PDB file of N, CA and C in Angstrom:
ATOM      1  N   MET A   1      64.353 104.793 141.530  1.00  0.00           N
ATOM      2  CA  MET A   1      65.146 105.502 140.540  1.00  0.00           C
ATOM      3  C   MET A   1      66.354 104.686 139.906  1.00  0.00           C
ATOM      4  N   ALA A   2      66.629 103.540 140.720  1.00  0.00           N
ATOM      5  CA  ALA A   2      67.642 102.690 140.198  1.00  0.00           C
ATOM      6  C   ALA A   2      67.309 101.999 138.873  1.00  0.00           C
ATOM      7  N   LEU A   3      65.915 101.830 138.651  1.00  0.00           N
ATOM      8  CA  LEU A   3      65.546 101.217 137.358  1.00  0.00           C
ATOM      9  C   LEU A   3      65.776 102.092 136.146  1.00  0.00           C
ATOM     10  N   LEU A   4      65.920 103.438 136.333  1.00  0.00           N
ATOM     11  CA  LEU A   4      66.031 104.339 135.233  1.00  0.00           C
ATOM     12  C   LEU A   4      67.463 104.543 134.863  1.00  0.00           C
ATOM     13  N   LYS A   5      68.258 104.180 135.794  1.00  0.00           N
ATOM     14  CA  LYS A   5      69.721 104.491 135.569  1.00  0.00           C
ATOM     15  C   LYS A   5      70.234 103.640 134.339  1.00  0.00           C
ATOM     16  N   LYS A   6      71.048 104.245 133.564  1.00  0.00           N
ATOM     17  CA  LYS A   6      71.491 103.562 132.293  1.00  0.00           C
ATOM     18  C   LYS A   6      72.742 102.660 132.598  1.00  0.00           C
ATOM     19  N   LYS A   7      72.709 101.499 132.095  1.00  0.00           N
ATOM     20  CA  LYS A   7      73.765 100.568 132.340  1.00  0.00           C
ATOM     21  C   LYS A   7      75.100 101.083 131.551  1.00  0.00           C
ATOM     22  N   GLU A   8      76.185 100.921 132.101  1.00  0.00           N
ATOM     23  CA  GLU A   8      77.471 101.267 131.375  1.00  0.00           C
ATOM     24  C   GLU A   8      77.661 100.380 130.048  1.00  0.00           C
ATOM     25  N   ALA A   9      78.003 101.095 129.162  1.00  0.00           N
ATOM     26  CA  ALA A   9      78.167 100.258 127.745  1.00  0.00           C
ATOM     27  C   ALA A   9      79.441  99.404 127.796  1.00  0.00           C
ATOM     28  N   ALA A  10      79.321  98.325 127.504  1.00  0.00           N
ATOM     29  CA  ALA A  10      80.543  97.337 127.375  1.00  0.00           C
ATOM     30  C   ALA A  10      81.454  97.927 126.317  1.00  0.00           C
ATOM     31  N   GLU A  11      82.693  97.747 126.650  1.00  0.00           N
ATOM     32  CA  GLU A  11      83.732  98.157 125.757  1.00  0.00           C
ATOM     33  C   GLU A  11      83.477  97.345 124.414  1.00  0.00           C
ATOM     34  N   PRO A  12      83.557  98.021 123.219  1.00  0.00           N
ATOM     35  CA  PRO A  12      83.388  97.156 121.938  1.00  0.00           C
ATOM     36  C   PRO A  12      84.405  96.236 121.833  1.00  0.00           C
ATOM     37  N   TYR A  13      84.231  95.021 121.193  1.00  0.00           N
ATOM     38  CA  TYR A  13      85.252  94.113 120.932  1.00  0.00           C
ATOM     39  C   TYR A  13      86.202  94.629 119.834  1.00  0.00           C
ATOM     40  N   ARG A  14      87.378  94.507 120.027  1.00  0.00           N
ATOM     41  CA  ARG A  14      88.437  95.044 119.095  1.00  0.00           C
ATOM     42  C   ARG A  14      89.149  93.989 118.693  1.00  0.00           C
ATOM     43  N   ILE A  15      89.387  93.792 117.276  1.00  0.00           N
ATOM     44  CA  ILE A  15      90.258  92.643 116.782  1.00  0.00           C
ATOM     45  C   ILE A  15      91.645  93.228 116.553  1.00  0.00           C
ATOM     46  N   PRO A  16      92.704  92.565 117.056  1.00  0.00           N
ATOM     47  CA  PRO A  16      94.071  93.198 116.976  1.00  0.00           C
ATOM     48  C   PRO A  16      94.552  92.863 115.511  1.00  0.00           C
ATOM     49  N   SER A  17      95.327  93.937 115.117  1.00  0.00           N
ATOM     50  CA  SER A  17      95.914  93.707 113.794  1.00  0.00           C
ATOM     51  C   SER A  17      96.954  92.535 113.714  1.00  0.00           C
ATOM     52  N   LEU A  18      97.247  92.198 112.495  1.00  0.00           N
ATOM     53  CA  LEU A  18      98.189  90.921 112.454  1.00  0.00           C
ATOM     54  C   LEU A  18      99.545  91.385 113.038  1.00  0.00           C
ATOM     55  N   ALA A  19      99.973  92.517 112.847  1.00  0.00           N
ATOM     56  CA  ALA A  19     101.297  92.852 113.483  1.00  0.00           C
ATOM     57  C   ALA A  19     101.194  92.721 115.050  1.00  0.00           C
ATOM     58  N   GLU A  20     100.045  93.071 115.579  1.00  0.00           N
ATOM     59  CA  GLU A  20     100.010  93.058 116.939  1.00  0.00           C
ATOM     60  C   GLU A  20      99.780  91.597 117.462  1.00  0.00           C
ATOM     61  N   ALA A  21      99.191  90.671 116.654  1.00  0.00           N
ATOM     62  CA  ALA A  21      98.998  89.313 117.091  1.00  0.00           C
ATOM     63  C   ALA A  21     100.268  88.386 116.802  1.00  0.00           C
ATOM     64  N   ASP A  22     100.980  88.680 115.853  1.00  0.00           N
ATOM     65  CA  ASP A  22     102.060  87.844 115.490  1.00  0.00           C
ATOM     66  C   ASP A  22     103.400  88.683 115.428  1.00  0.00           C
ATOM     67  N   PRO A  23     104.405  88.396 116.365  1.00  0.00           N
ATOM     68  CA  PRO A  23     105.628  89.158 116.363  1.00  0.00           C
ATOM     69  C   PRO A  23     106.353  88.819 115.186  1.00  0.00           C
ATOM     70  N   ALA A  24     106.366  87.752 114.634  1.00  0.00           N
ATOM     71  CA  ALA A  24     107.179  87.461 113.350  1.00  0.00           C
ATOM     72  C   ALA A  24     106.698  88.437 112.260  1.00  0.00           C
ATOM     73  N   TYR A  25     105.398  88.596 112.109  1.00  0.00           N
ATOM     74  CA  TYR A  25     104.830  89.516 111.110  1.00  0.00           C
ATOM     75  C   TYR A  25     105.254  90.973 111.389  1.00  0.00           C
ATOM     76  N   ALA A  26     105.342  91.289 112.712  1.00  0.00           N
ATOM     77  CA  ALA A  26     105.608  92.651 112.963  1.00  0.00           C
ATOM     78  C   ALA A  26     107.044  92.968 112.797  1.00  0.00           C
ATOM     79  N   ALA A  27     107.979  91.827 112.840  1.00  0.00           N
ATOM     80  CA  ALA A  27     109.413  91.978 112.560  1.00  0.00           C
ATOM     81  C   ALA A  27     109.506  92.208 111.037  1.00  0.00           C
ATOM     82  N   LEU A  28     108.713  91.434 110.261  1.00  0.00           N
ATOM     83  CA  LEU A  28     108.910  91.570 108.852  1.00  0.00           C
ATOM     84  C   LEU A  28     108.453  93.016 108.315  1.00  0.00           C
ATOM     85  N   LEU A  29     107.337  93.572 108.964  1.00  0.00           N
ATOM     86  CA  LEU A  29     106.970  94.917 108.629  1.00  0.00           C
ATOM     87  C   LEU A  29     108.026  95.874 108.927  1.00  0.00           C
ATOM     88  N   GLN A  30     108.902  95.585 110.100  1.00  0.00           N
ATOM     89  CA  GLN A  30     109.886  96.636 110.507  1.00  0.00           C
ATOM     90  C   GLN A  30     111.000  96.493 109.454  1.00  0.00           C
ATOM     91  N   LYS A  31     111.308  95.240 109.027  1.00  0.00           N
ATOM     92  CA  LYS A  31     112.328  94.974 108.003  1.00  0.00           C
ATOM     93  C   LYS A  31     112.029  95.683 106.591  1.00  0.00           C
ATOM     94  N   GLN A  32     110.628  95.552 106.333  1.00  0.00           N
ATOM     95  CA  GLN A  32     110.245  96.201 105.144  1.00  0.00           C
ATOM     96  C   GLN A  32     110.438  97.632 105.156  1.00  0.00           C
ATOM     97  N   SER A  33     110.012  98.363 106.217  1.00  0.00           N
ATOM     98  CA  SER A  33     110.111  99.857 106.316  1.00  0.00           C
ATOM     99  C   SER A  33     111.657 100.063 106.320  1.00  0.00           C
ATOM    100  N   ASP A  34     112.505  99.301 106.921  1.00  0.00           N
ATOM    101  CA  ASP A  34     114.111  99.523 106.989  1.00  0.00           C
ATOM    102  C   ASP A  34     114.540  99.458 105.621  1.00  0.00           C
ATOM    103  N   LEU A  35     114.078  98.657 104.759  1.00  0.00           N
ATOM    104  CA  LEU A  35     114.478  98.591 103.346  1.00  0.00           C
ATOM    105  C   LEU A  35     113.875  99.784 102.448  1.00  0.00           C
ATOM    106  N   TYR A  36     112.748 100.156 102.845  1.00  0.00           N
ATOM    107  CA  TYR A  36     112.128 101.416 102.010  1.00  0.00           C
ATOM    108  C   TYR A  36     112.951 102.750 102.169  1.00  0.00           C
ATOM    109  N   ALA A  37     113.588 102.951 103.242  1.00  0.00           N
ATOM    110  CA  ALA A  37     114.329 104.157 103.584  1.00  0.00           C
ATOM    111  C   ALA A  37     115.353 104.380 102.591  1.00  0.00           C
ATOM    112  N   PRO A  38     116.369 103.407 102.370  1.00  0.00           N
ATOM    113  CA  PRO A  38     117.448 103.508 101.497  1.00  0.00           C
ATOM    114  C   PRO A  38     117.025 103.517 100.139  1.00  0.00           C
ATOM    115  N   GLN A  39     115.944 102.801  99.734  1.00  0.00           N
ATOM    116  CA  GLN A  39     115.341 102.695  98.400  1.00  0.00           C
ATOM    117  C   GLN A  39     114.906 104.059  98.059  1.00  0.00           C
ATOM    118  N   SER A  40     114.208 104.713  99.039  1.00  0.00           N
ATOM    119  CA  SER A  40     113.562 106.062  98.726  1.00  0.00           C
ATOM    120  C   SER A  40     114.762 107.100  98.530  1.00  0.00           C
ATOM    121  N   LYS A  41     115.758 107.065  99.261  1.00  0.00           N
ATOM    122  CA  LYS A  41     116.953 107.775  99.146  1.00  0.00           C
ATOM    123  C   LYS A  41     117.643 107.634  97.701  1.00  0.00           C
ATOM    124  N   LEU A  42     117.741 106.430  97.306  1.00  0.00           N
ATOM    125  CA  LEU A  42     118.362 106.260  95.912  1.00  0.00           C
ATOM    126  C   LEU A  42     117.376 106.685  94.790  1.00  0.00           C
ATOM    127  N   THR A  43     116.123 106.520  94.922  1.00  0.00           N
ATOM    128  CA  THR A  43     115.297 106.920  94.051  1.00  0.00           C
ATOM    129  C   THR A  43     115.268 108.427  93.893  1.00  0.00           C
ATOM    130  N   SER A  44     115.452 109.184  95.013  1.00  0.00           N
ATOM    131  CA  SER A  44     115.407 110.617  95.016  1.00  0.00           C
ATOM    132  C   SER A  44     116.728 111.101  94.375  1.00  0.00           C
ATOM    133  N   GLU A  45     117.819 110.425  94.640  1.00  0.00           N
ATOM    134  CA  GLU A  45     119.172 110.768  93.972  1.00  0.00           C
ATOM    135  C   GLU A  45     119.059 110.406  92.490  1.00  0.00           C
ATOM    136  N   ARG A  46     118.507 109.450  92.128  1.00  0.00           N
ATOM    137  CA  ARG A  46     118.364 109.096  90.646  1.00  0.00           C
ATOM    138  C   ARG A  46     117.497 110.065  89.898  1.00  0.00           C
ATOM    139  N   ARG A  47     116.410 110.563  90.568  1.00  0.00           N
ATOM    140  CA  ARG A  47     115.559 111.618  89.914  1.00  0.00           C
ATOM    141  C   ARG A  47     116.342 112.937  89.811  1.00  0.00           C
ATOM    142  N   ASP A  48     117.069 113.168  90.875  1.00  0.00           N
ATOM    143  CA  ASP A  48     118.024 114.464  90.846  1.00  0.00           C
ATOM    144  C   ASP A  48     119.030 114.350  89.779  1.00  0.00           C
ATOM    145  N   LEU A  49     119.640 113.222  89.636  1.00  0.00           N
ATOM    146  CA  LEU A  49     120.747 113.158  88.507  1.00  0.00           C
ATOM    147  C   LEU A  49     120.023 113.028  87.120  1.00  0.00           C
ATOM    148  N   GLN A  50     118.918 112.600  87.002  1.00  0.00           N
ATOM    149  CA  GLN A  50     118.255 112.653  85.609  1.00  0.00           C
ATOM    150  C   GLN A  50     117.782 114.125  85.421  1.00  0.00           C
ATOM    151  N   LYS A  51     117.302 114.889  86.384  1.00  0.00           N
ATOM    152  CA  LYS A  51     116.943 116.182  86.113  1.00  0.00           C
ATOM    153  C   LYS A  51     118.212 116.973  85.811  1.00  0.00           C
ATOM    154  N   ARG A  52     119.248 116.756  86.433  1.00  0.00           N
ATOM    155  CA  ARG A  52     120.455 117.568  86.033  1.00  0.00           C
ATOM    156  C   ARG A  52     120.968 117.203  84.587  1.00  0.00           C
ATOM    157  N   ILE A  53     120.804 115.982  84.174  1.00  0.00           N
ATOM    158  CA  ILE A  53     121.221 115.532  82.876  1.00  0.00           C
ATOM    159  C   ILE A  53     120.208 116.115  81.806  1.00  0.00           C
ATOM    160  N   ASP A  54     118.875 116.125  82.181  1.00  0.00           N
ATOM    161  CA  ASP A  54     117.974 116.747  81.158  1.00  0.00           C
ATOM    162  C   ASP A  54     118.161 118.291  81.044  1.00  0.00           C
ATOM    163  N   GLU A  55     118.464 118.878  82.249  1.00  0.00           N
ATOM    164  CA  GLU A  55     118.730 120.315  82.136  1.00  0.00           C
ATOM    165  C   GLU A  55     119.954 120.609  81.407  1.00  0.00           C
ATOM    166  N   SER A  56     120.988 119.879  81.449  1.00  0.00           N
ATOM    167  CA  SER A  56     122.249 119.987  80.475  1.00  0.00           C
ATOM    168  C   SER A  56     121.906 120.069  79.192  1.00  0.00           C
ATOM    169  N   GLY A  57     120.841 119.286  78.735  1.00  0.00           N
ATOM    170  CA  GLY A  57     120.686 119.191  77.161  1.00  0.00           C
ATOM    171  C   GLY A  57     121.548 118.630  76.407  1.00  0.00           C
ATOM    172  N   ALA A  58     122.499 117.946  76.987  1.00  0.00           N
ATOM    173  CA  ALA A  58     123.643 117.271  76.246  1.00  0.00           C
ATOM    174  C   ALA A  58     123.098 116.024  75.599  1.00  0.00           C
ATOM    175  N   THR A  59     123.653 115.855  74.377  1.00  0.00           N
ATOM    176  CA  THR A  59     123.239 114.602  73.562  1.00  0.00           C
ATOM    177  C   THR A  59     124.476 113.783  73.357  1.00  0.00           C
ATOM    178  N   GLU A  60     125.545 114.128  73.948  1.00  0.00           N
ATOM    179  CA  GLU A  60     126.847 113.441  73.717  1.00  0.00           C
ATOM    180  C   GLU A  60     126.745 111.961  74.081  1.00  0.00           C
ATOM    181  N   PRO A  61     127.446 111.066  73.535  1.00  0.00           N
ATOM    182  CA  PRO A  61     127.569 109.637  74.005  1.00  0.00           C
ATOM    183  C   PRO A  61     127.975 109.573  75.408  1.00  0.00           C
ATOM    184  N   ILE A  62     127.695 108.218  75.962  1.00  0.00           N
ATOM    185  CA  ILE A  62     128.001 108.012  77.435  1.00  0.00           C
ATOM    186  C   ILE A  62     129.400 107.489  77.378  1.00  0.00           C
ATOM    187  N   VAL A  63     130.148 107.413  76.367  1.00  0.00           N
ATOM    188  CA  VAL A  63     131.439 106.810  76.407  1.00  0.00           C
ATOM    189  C   VAL A  63     132.522 107.280  77.405  1.00  0.00           C
ATOM    190  N   PRO A  64     132.791 108.589  77.485  1.00  0.00           N
ATOM    191  CA  PRO A  64     133.915 109.109  78.209  1.00  0.00           C
ATOM    192  C   PRO A  64     133.941 108.637  79.818  1.00  0.00           C
ATOM    193  N   ALA A  65     134.922 108.121  80.212  1.00  0.00           N
ATOM    194  CA  ALA A  65     134.994 107.734  81.722  1.00  0.00           C
ATOM    195  C   ALA A  65     135.753 108.838  82.410  1.00  0.00           C
ATOM    196  N   ARG A  66     135.835 108.702  83.601  1.00  0.00           N
ATOM    197  CA  ARG A  66     136.432 109.746  84.483  1.00  0.00           C
ATOM    198  C   ARG A  66     137.887 110.025  84.089  1.00  0.00           C
ATOM    199  N   VAL A  67     138.678 109.044  83.731  1.00  0.00           N
ATOM    200  CA  VAL A  67     140.045 109.252  83.416  1.00  0.00           C
ATOM    201  C   VAL A  67     140.183 109.823  82.067  1.00  0.00           C
ATOM    202  N   VAL A  68     139.248 109.442  81.126  1.00  0.00           N
ATOM    203  CA  VAL A  68     139.358 110.015  79.792  1.00  0.00           C
ATOM    204  C   VAL A  68     138.983 111.524  79.898  1.00  0.00           C
ATOM    205  N   ALA A  69     137.973 111.787  80.637  1.00  0.00           N
ATOM    206  CA  ALA A  69     137.519 113.190  80.859  1.00  0.00           C
ATOM    207  C   ALA A  69     138.635 114.095  81.329  1.00  0.00           C
ATOM    208  N   GLU A  70     139.326 113.529  82.347  1.00  0.00           N
ATOM    209  CA  GLU A  70     140.451 114.304  83.083  1.00  0.00           C
ATOM    210  C   GLU A  70     141.605 114.417  81.914  1.00  0.00           C
ATOM    211  N   LEU A  71     141.929 113.444  81.143  1.00  0.00           N
ATOM    212  CA  LEU A  71     142.888 113.599  80.167  1.00  0.00           C
ATOM    213  C   LEU A  71     142.543 114.615  79.053  1.00  0.00           C
ATOM    214  N   LEU A  72     141.281 114.683  78.742  1.00  0.00           N
ATOM    215  CA  LEU A  72     140.837 115.719  77.742  1.00  0.00           C
ATOM    216  C   LEU A  72     140.628 117.017  78.416  1.00  0.00           C
ATOM    217  N   GLY A  73     140.619 117.171  79.610  1.00  0.00           N
ATOM    218  CA  GLY A  73     140.524 118.438  80.302  1.00  0.00           C
ATOM    219  C   GLY A  73     139.068 118.703  80.565  1.00  0.00           C
ATOM    220  N   ASP A  74     138.079 117.745  80.323  1.00  0.00           N
ATOM    221  CA  ASP A  74     136.734 118.109  80.586  1.00  0.00           C
ATOM    222  C   ASP A  74     136.378 118.006  82.067  1.00  0.00           C
ATOM    223  N   ALA A  75     135.310 118.438  82.484  1.00  0.00           N
ATOM    224  CA  ALA A  75     135.005 118.424  84.034  1.00  0.00           C
ATOM    225  C   ALA A  75     134.586 116.977  84.242  1.00  0.00           C
ATOM    226  N   THR A  76     135.104 116.360  85.256  1.00  0.00           N
ATOM    227  CA  THR A  76     134.676 115.022  85.597  1.00  0.00           C
ATOM    228  C   THR A  76     133.456 114.741  86.098  1.00  0.00           C
ATOM    229  N   ASP A  77     132.633 115.882  86.396  1.00  0.00           N
ATOM    230  CA  ASP A  77     131.283 115.842  86.896  1.00  0.00           C
ATOM    231  C   ASP A  77     130.360 116.223  85.679  1.00  0.00           C
ATOM    232  N   SER A  78     130.756 115.955  84.451  1.00  0.00           N
ATOM    233  CA  SER A  78     130.044 116.295  83.269  1.00  0.00           C
ATOM    234  C   SER A  78     128.739 115.494  83.125  1.00  0.00           C
ATOM    235  N   THR A  79     128.063 115.737  82.089  1.00  0.00           N
ATOM    236  CA  THR A  79     126.797 114.986  81.861  1.00  0.00           C
ATOM    237  C   THR A  79     127.068 113.287  81.772  1.00  0.00           C
ATOM    238  N   PRO A  80     128.179 112.907  80.992  1.00  0.00           N
ATOM    239  CA  PRO A  80     128.355 111.517  80.967  1.00  0.00           C
ATOM    240  C   PRO A  80     128.689 110.898  82.329  1.00  0.00           C
ATOM    241  N   MET A  81     129.395 111.781  83.312  1.00  0.00           N
ATOM    242  CA  MET A  81     129.510 111.320  84.491  1.00  0.00           C
ATOM    243  C   MET A  81     128.298 111.163  85.384  1.00  0.00           C
ATOM    244  N   LEU A  82     127.414 112.142  85.185  1.00  0.00           N
ATOM    245  CA  LEU A  82     125.975 111.994  85.756  1.00  0.00           C
ATOM    246  C   LEU A  82     125.273 110.921  85.286  1.00  0.00           C
ATOM    247  N   ARG A  83     125.360 110.601  84.063  1.00  0.00           N
ATOM    248  CA  ARG A  83     124.713 109.392  83.521  1.00  0.00           C
ATOM    249  C   ARG A  83     125.225 108.118  84.147  1.00  0.00           C
ATOM    250  N   LYS A  84     126.574 108.142  84.304  1.00  0.00           N
ATOM    251  CA  LYS A  84     127.211 106.918  84.912  1.00  0.00           C
ATOM    252  C   LYS A  84     126.837 106.735  86.289  1.00  0.00           C
ATOM    253  N   ARG A  85     126.788 107.881  87.178  1.00  0.00           N
ATOM    254  CA  ARG A  85     126.427 107.844  88.431  1.00  0.00           C
ATOM    255  C   ARG A  85     124.910 107.256  88.556  1.00  0.00           C
ATOM    256  N   ALA A  86     123.929 107.747  87.539  1.00  0.00           N
ATOM    257  CA  ALA A  86     122.559 107.394  87.573  1.00  0.00           C
ATOM    258  C   ALA A  86     122.465 105.908  87.275  1.00  0.00           C
ATOM    259  N   THR A  87     123.361 105.436  86.310  1.00  0.00           N
ATOM    260  CA  THR A  87     123.346 103.992  86.023  1.00  0.00           C
ATOM    261  C   THR A  87     123.770 103.213  87.087  1.00  0.00           C
ATOM    262  N   ASP A  88     124.739 103.627  87.694  1.00  0.00           N
ATOM    263  CA  ASP A  88     125.372 102.957  89.009  1.00  0.00           C
ATOM    264  C   ASP A  88     124.289 102.921  90.099  1.00  0.00           C
ATOM    265  N   ASN A  89     123.498 103.890  90.203  1.00  0.00           N
ATOM    266  CA  ASN A  89     122.613 103.921  91.221  1.00  0.00           C
ATOM    267  C   ASN A  89     121.370 103.048  91.156  1.00  0.00           C
ATOM    268  N   ARG A  90     121.155 102.593  89.956  1.00  0.00           N
ATOM    269  CA  ARG A  90     120.106 101.620  89.638  1.00  0.00           C
ATOM    270  C   ARG A  90     120.607 100.240  90.047  1.00  0.00           C
TER     271      ARG A  90
END
């Protein structure tokens, strides 16, 4: 009966990924993911600002600054200020 017994299959050969094989490459991948997090946040904020600008439907020039808006009695978070924040975000 020992002849009919199946042999245990050998564990298949596994090739390690480059990140597993090279610590420097793994560190670069980690740095890349650390940089993507703030970039994603800024992109999301920029989309939100652009959406708010588009919803306002304003076509006024981008000229007024925060001080000028305050002097004129305009809201400082008006469409031009949103555009300025969106531009600063880029």
